[in-house]
């Protein structure tokens, strides 16, 4: 329950100030409006985080019957989140691309820099989509036969998406834009409470972590190897069709 609640707080801490700043920039013409899919993605992600928190509270309070019924919502939210994420990146990129090409002169230079950063963000979002799909599938399939694996994978599935919030918390030390290392470390820090709780309570490493850590480590290695490489910038723009 603590880990799920901390995920909600991390996301709110990162996104609320950033969203307020961007809305102010939109109002004065220094940032293009958010595309519709961005609002859809935000609603879906927020709904999933609240569902995750509610589910952990229901289990902790013994309401497993309601937990099982409410869990059916995750089967709808999860694929919807992946689809929204797949549409979000090209939509955002093309909006900013138009701004960099045809927007006010004072905004073009900053948007050009943002586009280069978004090339690297695409790496992260591809990784998030793959890891979330993998972990959530394992978690949902384990609902009946392995409740321990189910619980952990449902929480760990959302962890790869947390860099989007961490990178928006301006007072956190960071290695961005030079590398993704700091974001990786913050994700591991975010899941450390449930990891430590497992080690202390069960005196062993649950097999959920033998799924999460190698998969997350491999994805992070690929991200950091390709990060800001000229080849990747060219490939990202080819993928996004600009």
Protein backbone atom coordinates (compact mmCIF):
# COMPACT_ATOMS: atom_id res chain seq x y z
CA UNK A 1 0.00 0.00 0.00
CA UNK A 2 2.85 2.40 0.86
CA UNK A 3 4.55 1.83 -2.50
CA UNK A 4 1.33 2.41 -4.46
CA UNK A 5 0.67 5.61 -2.49
CA UNK A 6 4.24 6.79 -3.07
CA UNK A 7 3.81 6.28 -6.82
CA UNK A 8 0.78 8.59 -6.75
CA UNK A 9 2.72 11.23 -4.82
CA UNK A 10 5.68 11.01 -7.22
CA UNK A 11 3.42 11.55 -10.22
CA UNK A 12 1.58 14.48 -8.58
CA UNK A 13 4.86 16.09 -7.51
CA UNK A 14 6.24 15.87 -11.03
CA UNK A 15 3.24 16.67 -13.16
CA UNK A 16 1.27 19.35 -11.29
CA UNK A 17 3.96 22.12 -11.36
CA UNK A 18 5.05 21.13 -14.87
CA UNK A 19 1.49 21.17 -16.21
CA UNK A 20 0.79 24.57 -14.66
CA UNK A 21 3.95 25.97 -16.26
CA UNK A 22 3.09 24.57 -19.68
CA UNK A 23 -0.46 25.87 -19.51
CA UNK A 24 0.92 29.33 -18.76
CA UNK A 25 3.27 29.02 -21.74
CA UNK A 26 0.38 27.95 -23.98
CA UNK A 27 -1.59 31.00 -22.88
CA UNK A 28 1.18 33.38 -24.04
CA UNK A 29 1.91 31.46 -27.24
CA UNK A 30 5.25 29.98 -26.16
CA UNK A 31 4.07 26.36 -26.27
CA UNK A 32 1.62 24.60 -28.61
CA UNK A 33 -1.62 23.30 -27.06
CA UNK A 34 -1.67 19.76 -25.71
CA UNK A 35 -3.10 17.27 -28.23
CA UNK A 36 -6.28 15.45 -27.21
CA UNK A 37 -4.43 12.16 -26.81
CA UNK A 38 -2.28 13.76 -24.09
CA UNK A 39 -5.39 14.42 -22.01
CA UNK A 40 -6.65 10.88 -22.66
CA UNK A 41 -3.31 9.40 -21.63
CA UNK A 42 -3.23 11.49 -18.45
CA UNK A 43 -6.74 10.36 -17.46
CA UNK A 44 -5.91 6.70 -18.13
CA UNK A 45 -2.61 6.84 -16.23
CA UNK A 46 -4.21 8.64 -13.29
CA UNK A 47 -7.06 6.14 -13.24
CA UNK A 48 -4.65 3.21 -13.21
CA UNK A 49 -2.62 4.68 -10.36
CA UNK A 50 -5.76 5.30 -8.29
CA UNK A 51 -6.98 1.78 -9.10
CA UNK A 52 -3.64 0.35 -7.99
CA UNK A 53 -3.84 2.28 -4.71
CA UNK A 54 -7.47 1.23 -4.15
CA UNK A 55 -6.62 -2.41 -4.81
CA UNK A 56 -3.78 -2.43 -2.28
CA UNK A 57 -6.07 -0.80 0.32
CA UNK A 58 -8.79 -3.39 -0.32
CA UNK A 59 -6.36 -6.27 0.16
CA UNK A 60 -4.89 -4.69 3.30
CA UNK A 61 -8.39 -4.29 4.78
CA UNK A 62 -9.52 -7.80 3.85
CA UNK A 63 -11.96 -6.81 1.08
CA UNK A 64 -10.66 -9.40 -1.37
CA UNK A 65 -14.12 -9.93 -2.88
CA UNK A 66 -14.34 -6.30 -4.01
CA UNK A 67 -10.66 -6.42 -4.98
CA UNK A 68 -11.37 -9.23 -7.46
CA UNK A 69 -14.35 -7.46 -9.00
CA UNK A 70 -12.55 -4.15 -9.30
CA UNK A 71 -9.56 -5.93 -10.82
CA UNK A 72 -11.54 -6.45 -14.01
CA UNK A 73 -11.16 -2.71 -14.67
CA UNK A 74 -7.39 -3.20 -15.03
CA UNK A 75 -8.00 -5.53 -17.97
CA UNK A 76 -9.58 -2.59 -19.80
CA UNK A 77 -7.30 0.18 -18.54
CA UNK A 78 -4.02 -1.61 -19.27
CA UNK A 79 -4.42 -2.06 -23.06
CA UNK A 80 -6.02 1.39 -23.32
CA UNK A 81 -2.95 2.92 -21.64
CA UNK A 82 -0.59 1.17 -24.06
CA UNK A 83 -2.61 2.30 -27.09
CA UNK A 84 -2.81 5.89 -25.82
CA UNK A 85 0.94 5.89 -25.23
CA UNK A 86 1.62 4.66 -28.76
CA UNK A 87 -0.47 7.54 -30.17
CA UNK A 88 0.86 10.14 -27.71
CA UNK A 89 4.47 10.30 -28.82
CA UNK A 90 3.94 10.94 -32.57
CA UNK A 91 1.08 13.33 -31.81
CA UNK A 92 3.18 15.37 -29.37
CA UNK A 93 6.22 15.26 -31.64
CA UNK A 94 4.35 16.45 -34.72
CA UNK A 95 2.70 19.25 -32.74
CA UNK A 96 6.08 20.51 -31.54
CA UNK A 97 7.61 19.97 -34.98
CA UNK A 98 5.00 22.29 -36.46
CA UNK A 99 5.75 24.83 -33.75
CA UNK A 100 9.48 24.63 -34.42
CA UNK A 101 8.94 25.16 -38.15
CA UNK A 102 6.14 27.70 -38.23
CA UNK A 103 5.70 29.04 -34.69
CA UNK A 104 6.69 32.47 -33.32
CA UNK A 105 10.44 33.18 -33.78
CA UNK A 106 11.06 33.38 -30.04
CA UNK A 107 9.64 29.86 -29.59
CA UNK A 108 11.35 28.12 -32.49
CA UNK A 109 14.80 27.78 -30.94
CA UNK A 110 13.53 26.31 -27.67
CA UNK A 111 11.20 23.91 -29.50
CA UNK A 112 14.07 22.70 -31.71
CA UNK A 113 15.98 21.75 -28.55
CA UNK A 114 12.88 20.05 -27.15
CA UNK A 115 12.57 17.95 -30.31
CA UNK A 116 16.08 16.59 -29.81
CA UNK A 117 15.17 15.67 -26.25
CA UNK A 118 11.99 13.96 -27.50
CA UNK A 119 14.08 11.70 -29.73
CA UNK A 120 15.53 10.27 -26.52
CA UNK A 121 12.13 10.24 -24.83
CA UNK A 122 10.91 7.96 -27.63
CA UNK A 123 13.47 5.38 -26.48
CA UNK A 124 12.06 5.53 -22.97
CA UNK A 125 8.45 5.33 -24.14
CA UNK A 126 9.14 2.29 -26.32
CA UNK A 127 10.78 0.64 -23.31
CA UNK A 128 7.87 1.59 -21.05
CA UNK A 129 5.30 0.14 -23.46
CA UNK A 130 7.19 -3.17 -23.74
CA UNK A 131 7.92 -3.54 -20.03
CA UNK A 132 4.44 -2.47 -18.89
CA UNK A 133 2.81 -4.90 -21.34
CA UNK A 134 5.08 -7.73 -20.19
CA UNK A 135 4.70 -7.14 -16.45
CA UNK A 136 0.97 -6.45 -16.52
CA UNK A 137 0.34 -9.59 -18.56
CA UNK A 138 2.29 -11.70 -16.07
CA UNK A 139 0.47 -10.02 -13.19
CA UNK A 140 -3.00 -10.51 -14.61
CA UNK A 141 -2.36 -14.13 -15.59
CA UNK A 142 -1.21 -14.86 -12.02
CA UNK A 143 -4.42 -13.51 -10.43
CA UNK A 144 -5.79 -16.88 -9.35
CA UNK A 145 -2.84 -19.23 -9.23
CA UNK A 146 -0.17 -16.99 -7.60
CA UNK A 147 -1.50 -14.00 -5.60
CA UNK A 148 2.00 -13.04 -4.44
CA UNK A 149 3.33 -12.76 -7.98
CA UNK A 150 0.14 -10.99 -9.06
CA UNK A 151 0.42 -8.33 -6.37
CA UNK A 152 4.06 -7.54 -7.02
CA UNK A 153 3.87 -7.51 -10.80
CA UNK A 154 0.89 -5.15 -10.80
CA UNK A 155 2.92 -2.67 -8.73
CA UNK A 156 6.19 -3.21 -10.61
CA UNK A 157 4.44 -2.81 -13.98
CA UNK A 158 3.94 0.91 -13.42
CA UNK A 159 7.50 1.57 -12.21
CA UNK A 160 9.09 1.93 -15.70
CA UNK A 161 6.70 4.85 -16.38
CA UNK A 162 7.86 6.85 -13.34
CA UNK A 163 10.79 8.62 -15.10
CA UNK A 164 8.19 10.84 -16.79
CA UNK A 165 7.40 12.20 -13.31
CA UNK A 166 10.94 12.16 -11.89
CA UNK A 167 12.27 14.13 -14.87
CA UNK A 168 9.73 16.88 -14.12
CA UNK A 169 10.78 17.32 -10.48
CA UNK A 170 13.18 20.21 -10.96
CA UNK A 171 14.83 20.00 -7.53
CA UNK A 172 16.00 16.41 -7.96
CA UNK A 173 19.63 15.92 -9.03
CA UNK A 174 19.70 14.54 -12.56
CA UNK A 175 21.99 13.31 -15.32
CA UNK A 176 19.54 14.44 -18.01
CA UNK A 177 19.95 15.42 -20.78
CA UNK A 178 23.35 13.71 -20.95
CA UNK A 179 22.14 10.26 -19.88
CA UNK A 180 19.19 8.34 -18.46
CA UNK A 181 21.14 6.99 -15.48
CA UNK A 182 19.56 9.17 -12.79
CA UNK A 183 16.04 8.25 -13.91
CA UNK A 184 16.95 4.56 -13.70
CA UNK A 185 18.23 5.00 -10.17
CA UNK A 186 15.11 6.89 -9.08
CA UNK A 187 12.92 4.04 -10.37
CA UNK A 188 14.92 1.54 -8.32
CA UNK A 189 14.63 3.85 -5.31
CA UNK A 190 10.86 4.06 -5.81
CA UNK A 191 10.44 0.28 -5.68
CA UNK A 192 12.90 -0.18 -2.81
CA UNK A 193 10.23 -0.12 -0.04
CA UNK A 194 8.43 -3.20 -1.35
CA UNK A 195 11.77 -4.84 -2.14
CA UNK A 196 13.13 -4.26 1.39
CA UNK A 197 9.79 -5.28 2.95
CA UNK A 198 9.98 -8.58 1.10
CA UNK A 199 13.56 -9.24 2.20
CA UNK A 200 12.86 -8.41 5.84
CA UNK A 201 9.50 -10.21 6.09
CA UNK A 202 10.18 -13.25 3.90
CA UNK A 203 13.99 -13.38 4.18
CA UNK A 204 14.27 -14.10 0.47
CA UNK A 205 13.97 -12.44 -2.90
CA UNK A 206 10.54 -13.06 -4.40
CA UNK A 207 10.60 -14.44 -7.94
CA UNK A 208 8.78 -11.34 -9.19
CA UNK A 209 12.06 -9.47 -8.90
CA UNK A 210 13.82 -12.12 -10.99
CA UNK A 211 11.41 -11.11 -13.74
CA UNK A 212 11.53 -7.36 -13.17
CA UNK A 213 15.22 -6.70 -12.57
CA UNK A 214 16.71 -8.49 -15.63
CA UNK A 215 14.03 -7.07 -17.96
CA UNK A 216 14.34 -3.55 -16.59
CA UNK A 217 18.14 -3.79 -16.56
CA UNK A 218 18.27 -4.91 -20.20
CA UNK A 219 15.92 -2.13 -21.28
CA UNK A 220 17.94 0.46 -19.36
CA UNK A 221 21.16 -0.77 -20.96
CA UNK A 222 19.70 -0.32 -24.44
CA UNK A 223 18.38 3.15 -23.58
CA UNK A 224 21.73 4.33 -22.23
CA UNK A 225 23.68 2.87 -25.16
CA UNK A 226 21.47 4.59 -27.75
CA UNK A 227 20.84 7.79 -25.78
CA UNK A 228 21.62 10.93 -27.81
CA UNK A 229 23.46 8.99 -30.53
CA UNK A 230 23.26 10.58 -34.01
CA UNK A 231 22.06 7.25 -35.40
CA UNK A 232 19.20 7.18 -32.92
CA UNK A 233 18.16 10.79 -33.63
CA UNK A 234 17.91 9.92 -37.33
CA UNK A 235 16.09 6.66 -36.62
CA UNK A 236 13.63 8.28 -34.20
CA UNK A 237 12.65 10.90 -36.77
CA UNK A 238 12.29 8.23 -39.41
CA UNK A 239 9.99 6.27 -37.08
CA UNK A 240 7.96 9.39 -36.35
CA UNK A 241 7.76 10.36 -40.02
CA UNK A 242 9.40 13.80 -39.98
